[in-house]
């Protein structure tokens, strides 16, 4: 990765400049993708998003919390990258614990104030993703990983 930003630097840049990601879940052998508003937390080890309980993504995540969230950032070109980089977070999601609910809700509201009525609705559920790894792809032969446990 000579003369190019590291995966960790790109993760920080991409998650600080992207409010939305494409969430991929799976249920009964069928993949499902949807756009979600993301809030990174804990040095990018956790990602927060919300959904209604009556959605397919909610049902899929309750059955199987494994997921991927894709971020694409064309403005990353300003970081001297030769091509557009795509970042994918891989991890496991669960509904947030009541003990941290207020902290997480406030962080998500601070980043996404336009979602206040949605986030405060009775049917809204907030998920916390424990990220296991990030993958940065800059081309067909340029794939780099950051395993969070390292």
C-alpha atoms as a PDB file:
ATOM      1  CA  UNK A   1       0.000   0.000   0.000  1.00  0.00           C
ATOM      2  CA  UNK A   2       2.898   2.351  -0.647  1.00  0.00           C
ATOM      3  CA  UNK A   3       1.913   6.012  -1.012  1.00  0.00           C
ATOM      4  CA  UNK A   4      -1.710   5.107  -0.369  1.00  0.00           C
ATOM      5  CA  UNK A   5      -3.686   5.569   2.774  1.00  0.00           C
ATOM      6  CA  UNK A   6      -3.943   2.614   5.128  1.00  0.00           C
ATOM      7  CA  UNK A   7      -7.153   0.681   5.614  1.00  0.00           C
ATOM      8  CA  UNK A   8      -7.540   2.143   9.120  1.00  0.00           C
ATOM      9  CA  UNK A   9      -7.174   5.679   7.775  1.00  0.00           C
ATOM     10  CA  UNK A  10      -9.706   4.975   5.039  1.00  0.00           C
ATOM     11  CA  UNK A  11     -12.155   3.454   7.536  1.00  0.00           C
ATOM     12  CA  UNK A  12     -11.939   6.618   9.636  1.00  0.00           C
ATOM     13  CA  UNK A  13     -12.346   8.871   6.602  1.00  0.00           C
ATOM     14  CA  UNK A  14     -15.161   6.884   5.017  1.00  0.00           C
ATOM     15  CA  UNK A  15     -17.195   6.563   8.214  1.00  0.00           C
ATOM     16  CA  UNK A  16     -16.733  10.202   9.164  1.00  0.00           C
ATOM     17  CA  UNK A  17     -17.869  11.407   5.729  1.00  0.00           C
ATOM     18  CA  UNK A  18     -20.591   8.851   4.941  1.00  0.00           C
ATOM     19  CA  UNK A  19     -23.865   8.934   6.814  1.00  0.00           C
ATOM     20  CA  UNK A  20     -25.406   6.065   4.858  1.00  0.00           C
ATOM     21  CA  UNK A  21     -24.426   2.501   4.068  1.00  0.00           C
ATOM     22  CA  UNK A  22     -25.983  -0.428   2.236  1.00  0.00           C
ATOM     23  CA  UNK A  23     -26.908  -3.094   4.776  1.00  0.00           C
ATOM     24  CA  UNK A  24     -26.866  -6.706   3.578  1.00  0.00           C
ATOM     25  CA  UNK A  25     -28.715  -9.359   5.585  1.00  0.00           C
ATOM     26  CA  UNK A  26     -29.916 -12.875   4.841  1.00  0.00           C
ATOM     27  CA  UNK A  27     -33.066 -14.736   5.731  1.00  0.00           C
ATOM     28  CA  UNK A  28     -34.210 -18.185   4.656  1.00  0.00           C
ATOM     29  CA  UNK A  29     -31.478 -18.305   2.019  1.00  0.00           C
ATOM     30  CA  UNK A  30     -32.546 -15.015   0.441  1.00  0.00           C
ATOM     31  CA  UNK A  31     -30.216 -11.971   0.561  1.00  0.00           C
ATOM     32  CA  UNK A  32     -31.690  -8.566   1.329  1.00  0.00           C
ATOM     33  CA  UNK A  33     -30.120  -5.108   0.947  1.00  0.00           C
ATOM     34  CA  UNK A  34     -31.311  -1.769   2.268  1.00  0.00           C
ATOM     35  CA  UNK A  35     -29.981   1.716   2.855  1.00  0.00           C
ATOM     36  CA  UNK A  36     -29.444   2.643   6.518  1.00  0.00           C
ATOM     37  CA  UNK A  37     -28.199   5.697   8.407  1.00  0.00           C
ATOM     38  CA  UNK A  38     -25.012   4.783  10.276  1.00  0.00           C
ATOM     39  CA  UNK A  39     -23.306   6.182  13.364  1.00  0.00           C
ATOM     40  CA  UNK A  40     -19.814   4.853  14.115  1.00  0.00           C
ATOM     41  CA  UNK A  41     -18.795   4.417  17.761  1.00  0.00           C
ATOM     42  CA  UNK A  42     -15.865   3.170  19.838  1.00  0.00           C
ATOM     43  CA  UNK A  43     -13.091   3.866  17.316  1.00  0.00           C
ATOM     44  CA  UNK A  44     -15.143   2.269  14.531  1.00  0.00           C
ATOM     45  CA  UNK A  45     -15.475  -1.064  16.383  1.00  0.00           C
ATOM     46  CA  UNK A  46     -19.249  -0.567  16.530  1.00  0.00           C
ATOM     47  CA  UNK A  47     -21.755   0.812  14.057  1.00  0.00           C
ATOM     48  CA  UNK A  48     -25.260   1.922  15.000  1.00  0.00           C
ATOM     49  CA  UNK A  49     -28.365   1.913  12.817  1.00  0.00           C
ATOM     50  CA  UNK A  50     -32.114   1.835  13.370  1.00  0.00           C
ATOM     51  CA  UNK A  51     -35.049   0.142  11.718  1.00  0.00           C
ATOM     52  CA  UNK A  52     -38.705  -0.515  12.310  1.00  0.00           C
ATOM     53  CA  UNK A  53     -39.542  -3.865  13.875  1.00  0.00           C
ATOM     54  CA  UNK A  54     -41.935  -4.767  11.036  1.00  0.00           C
ATOM     55  CA  UNK A  55     -39.200  -4.789   8.363  1.00  0.00           C
ATOM     56  CA  UNK A  56     -37.494  -7.653   6.596  1.00  0.00           C
ATOM     57  CA  UNK A  57     -34.083  -6.453   7.792  1.00  0.00           C
ATOM     58  CA  UNK A  58     -35.291  -6.625  11.410  1.00  0.00           C
ATOM     59  CA  UNK A  59     -36.658 -10.146  10.945  1.00  0.00           C
ATOM     60  CA  UNK A  60     -33.448 -11.272   9.235  1.00  0.00           C
ATOM     61  CA  UNK A  61     -31.226  -9.799  11.956  1.00  0.00           C
ATOM     62  CA  UNK A  62     -33.243 -11.363  14.769  1.00  0.00           C
ATOM     63  CA  UNK A  63     -32.858 -14.790  13.106  1.00  0.00           C
ATOM     64  CA  UNK A  64     -29.248 -14.294  12.014  1.00  0.00           C
ATOM     65  CA  UNK A  65     -27.280 -11.270  13.173  1.00  0.00           C
ATOM     66  CA  UNK A  66     -24.518 -11.678  10.596  1.00  0.00           C
ATOM     67  CA  UNK A  67     -24.315  -8.778   8.173  1.00  0.00           C
ATOM     68  CA  UNK A  68     -22.232  -6.655   5.875  1.00  0.00           C
ATOM     69  CA  UNK A  69     -22.485  -2.898   5.378  1.00  0.00           C
ATOM     70  CA  UNK A  70     -21.033  -1.343   2.225  1.00  0.00           C
ATOM     71  CA  UNK A  71     -19.816   2.259   1.953  1.00  0.00           C
ATOM     72  CA  UNK A  72     -18.698   3.980  -1.244  1.00  0.00           C
ATOM     73  CA  UNK A  73     -17.088   7.360  -1.126  1.00  0.00           C
ATOM     74  CA  UNK A  74     -16.198   9.196  -4.296  1.00  0.00           C
ATOM     75  CA  UNK A  75     -14.734  12.061  -2.287  1.00  0.00           C
ATOM     76  CA  UNK A  76     -12.025   9.660  -1.137  1.00  0.00           C
ATOM     77  CA  UNK A  77     -10.306  10.566  -4.394  1.00  0.00           C
ATOM     78  CA  UNK A  78      -9.159  13.713  -2.621  1.00  0.00           C
ATOM     79  CA  UNK A  79      -6.915  11.451  -0.546  1.00  0.00           C
ATOM     80  CA  UNK A  80      -4.737  10.699  -3.609  1.00  0.00           C
ATOM     81  CA  UNK A  81      -6.221   7.303  -4.313  1.00  0.00           C
ATOM     82  CA  UNK A  82      -6.018   6.260  -7.953  1.00  0.00           C
ATOM     83  CA  UNK A  83      -9.550   4.856  -8.024  1.00  0.00           C
ATOM     84  CA  UNK A  84     -12.695   4.931  -5.965  1.00  0.00           C
ATOM     85  CA  UNK A  85     -12.447   2.735  -2.893  1.00  0.00           C
ATOM     86  CA  UNK A  86     -15.300   0.682  -1.536  1.00  0.00           C
ATOM     87  CA  UNK A  87     -15.381  -0.195   2.146  1.00  0.00           C
ATOM     88  CA  UNK A  88     -17.326  -3.104   3.622  1.00  0.00           C
ATOM     89  CA  UNK A  89     -17.820  -3.720   7.334  1.00  0.00           C
ATOM     90  CA  UNK A  90     -18.440  -7.337   8.364  1.00  0.00           C
ATOM     91  CA  UNK A  91     -19.929  -8.110  11.734  1.00  0.00           C
ATOM     92  CA  UNK A  92     -22.757  -9.185  13.947  1.00  0.00           C
ATOM     93  CA  UNK A  93     -25.750  -7.046  14.973  1.00  0.00           C
ATOM     94  CA  UNK A  94     -27.982  -7.191  18.010  1.00  0.00           C
ATOM     95  CA  UNK A  95     -30.539  -4.880  19.534  1.00  0.00           C
ATOM     96  CA  UNK A  96     -28.803  -2.492  21.884  1.00  0.00           C
ATOM     97  CA  UNK A  97     -28.878  -3.245  25.584  1.00  0.00           C
ATOM     98  CA  UNK A  98     -31.136  -1.061  27.704  1.00  0.00           C
ATOM     99  CA  UNK A  99     -28.090  -0.052  29.782  1.00  0.00           C
ATOM    100  CA  UNK A 100     -26.597   1.877  26.836  1.00  0.00           C
ATOM    101  CA  UNK A 101     -29.830   2.812  25.067  1.00  0.00           C
ATOM    102  CA  UNK A 102     -29.829   6.518  25.988  1.00  0.00           C
ATOM    103  CA  UNK A 103     -26.125   6.956  25.126  1.00  0.00           C
ATOM    104  CA  UNK A 104     -26.541   5.282  21.741  1.00  0.00           C
ATOM    105  CA  UNK A 105     -29.800   7.076  20.962  1.00  0.00           C
ATOM    106  CA  UNK A 106     -28.235  10.472  21.709  1.00  0.00           C
ATOM    107  CA  UNK A 107     -25.178   9.700  19.552  1.00  0.00           C
ATOM    108  CA  UNK A 108     -27.405   8.592  16.666  1.00  0.00           C
ATOM    109  CA  UNK A 109     -29.642  11.664  17.051  1.00  0.00           C
ATOM    110  CA  UNK A 110     -26.607  13.949  17.105  1.00  0.00           C
ATOM    111  CA  UNK A 111     -25.399  12.521  13.794  1.00  0.00           C
ATOM    112  CA  UNK A 112     -28.876  12.195  12.246  1.00  0.00           C
ATOM    113  CA  UNK A 113     -31.149  14.867  13.757  1.00  0.00           C
ATOM    114  CA  UNK A 114     -33.490  14.576  10.760  1.00  0.00           C
ATOM    115  CA  UNK A 115     -34.432  11.074  12.008  1.00  0.00           C
ATOM    116  CA  UNK A 116     -35.747  12.216  15.388  1.00  0.00           C
ATOM    117  CA  UNK A 117     -39.419  11.266  14.870  1.00  0.00           C
ATOM    118  CA  UNK A 118     -38.385   7.885  13.417  1.00  0.00           C
ATOM    119  CA  UNK A 119     -35.913   7.152  16.240  1.00  0.00           C
ATOM    120  CA  UNK A 120     -38.424   8.125  18.937  1.00  0.00           C
ATOM    121  CA  UNK A 121     -41.295   6.093  17.482  1.00  0.00           C
ATOM    122  CA  UNK A 122     -42.568   3.078  19.416  1.00  0.00           C
ATOM    123  CA  UNK A 123     -41.835   0.635  16.590  1.00  0.00           C
ATOM    124  CA  UNK A 124     -38.216   1.755  16.101  1.00  0.00           C
ATOM    125  CA  UNK A 125     -35.406  -0.540  17.141  1.00  0.00           C
ATOM    126  CA  UNK A 126     -31.724   0.411  17.365  1.00  0.00           C
ATOM    127  CA  UNK A 127     -29.072  -2.150  16.465  1.00  0.00           C
ATOM    128  CA  UNK A 128     -25.429  -2.170  17.431  1.00  0.00           C
ATOM    129  CA  UNK A 129     -23.009  -3.910  15.083  1.00  0.00           C
ATOM    130  CA  UNK A 130     -19.849  -5.434  16.516  1.00  0.00           C
ATOM    131  CA  UNK A 131     -17.507  -5.089  13.543  1.00  0.00           C
ATOM    132  CA  UNK A 132     -15.128  -8.015  13.079  1.00  0.00           C
ATOM    133  CA  UNK A 133     -13.336  -6.705   9.998  1.00  0.00           C
ATOM    134  CA  UNK A 134     -13.284  -4.029   7.337  1.00  0.00           C
ATOM    135  CA  UNK A 135     -12.419  -4.735   3.717  1.00  0.00           C
ATOM    136  CA  UNK A 136     -11.223  -1.964   1.410  1.00  0.00           C
ATOM    137  CA  UNK A 137     -11.357  -2.642  -2.324  1.00  0.00           C
ATOM    138  CA  UNK A 138      -9.633  -0.258  -4.732  1.00  0.00           C
ATOM    139  CA  UNK A 139      -9.552  -2.515  -7.737  1.00  0.00           C
ATOM    140  CA  UNK A 140      -9.876  -6.098  -8.833  1.00  0.00           C
ATOM    141  CA  UNK A 141      -6.406  -6.920  -7.484  1.00  0.00           C
ATOM    142  CA  UNK A 142      -6.193  -4.356  -4.683  1.00  0.00           C
ATOM    143  CA  UNK A 143      -8.046  -5.680  -1.652  1.00  0.00           C
ATOM    144  CA  UNK A 144      -6.945  -4.933   1.900  1.00  0.00           C
ATOM    145  CA  UNK A 145      -8.337  -5.967   5.278  1.00  0.00           C
ATOM    146  CA  UNK A 146      -8.366  -4.579   8.816  1.00  0.00           C
ATOM    147  CA  UNK A 147      -9.338  -7.249  11.329  1.00  0.00           C
ATOM    148  CA  UNK A 148     -10.548  -5.358  14.395  1.00  0.00           C
ATOM    149  CA  UNK A 149      -9.079  -7.924  16.810  1.00  0.00           C
ATOM    150  CA  UNK A 150      -5.549  -7.224  15.538  1.00  0.00           C
END
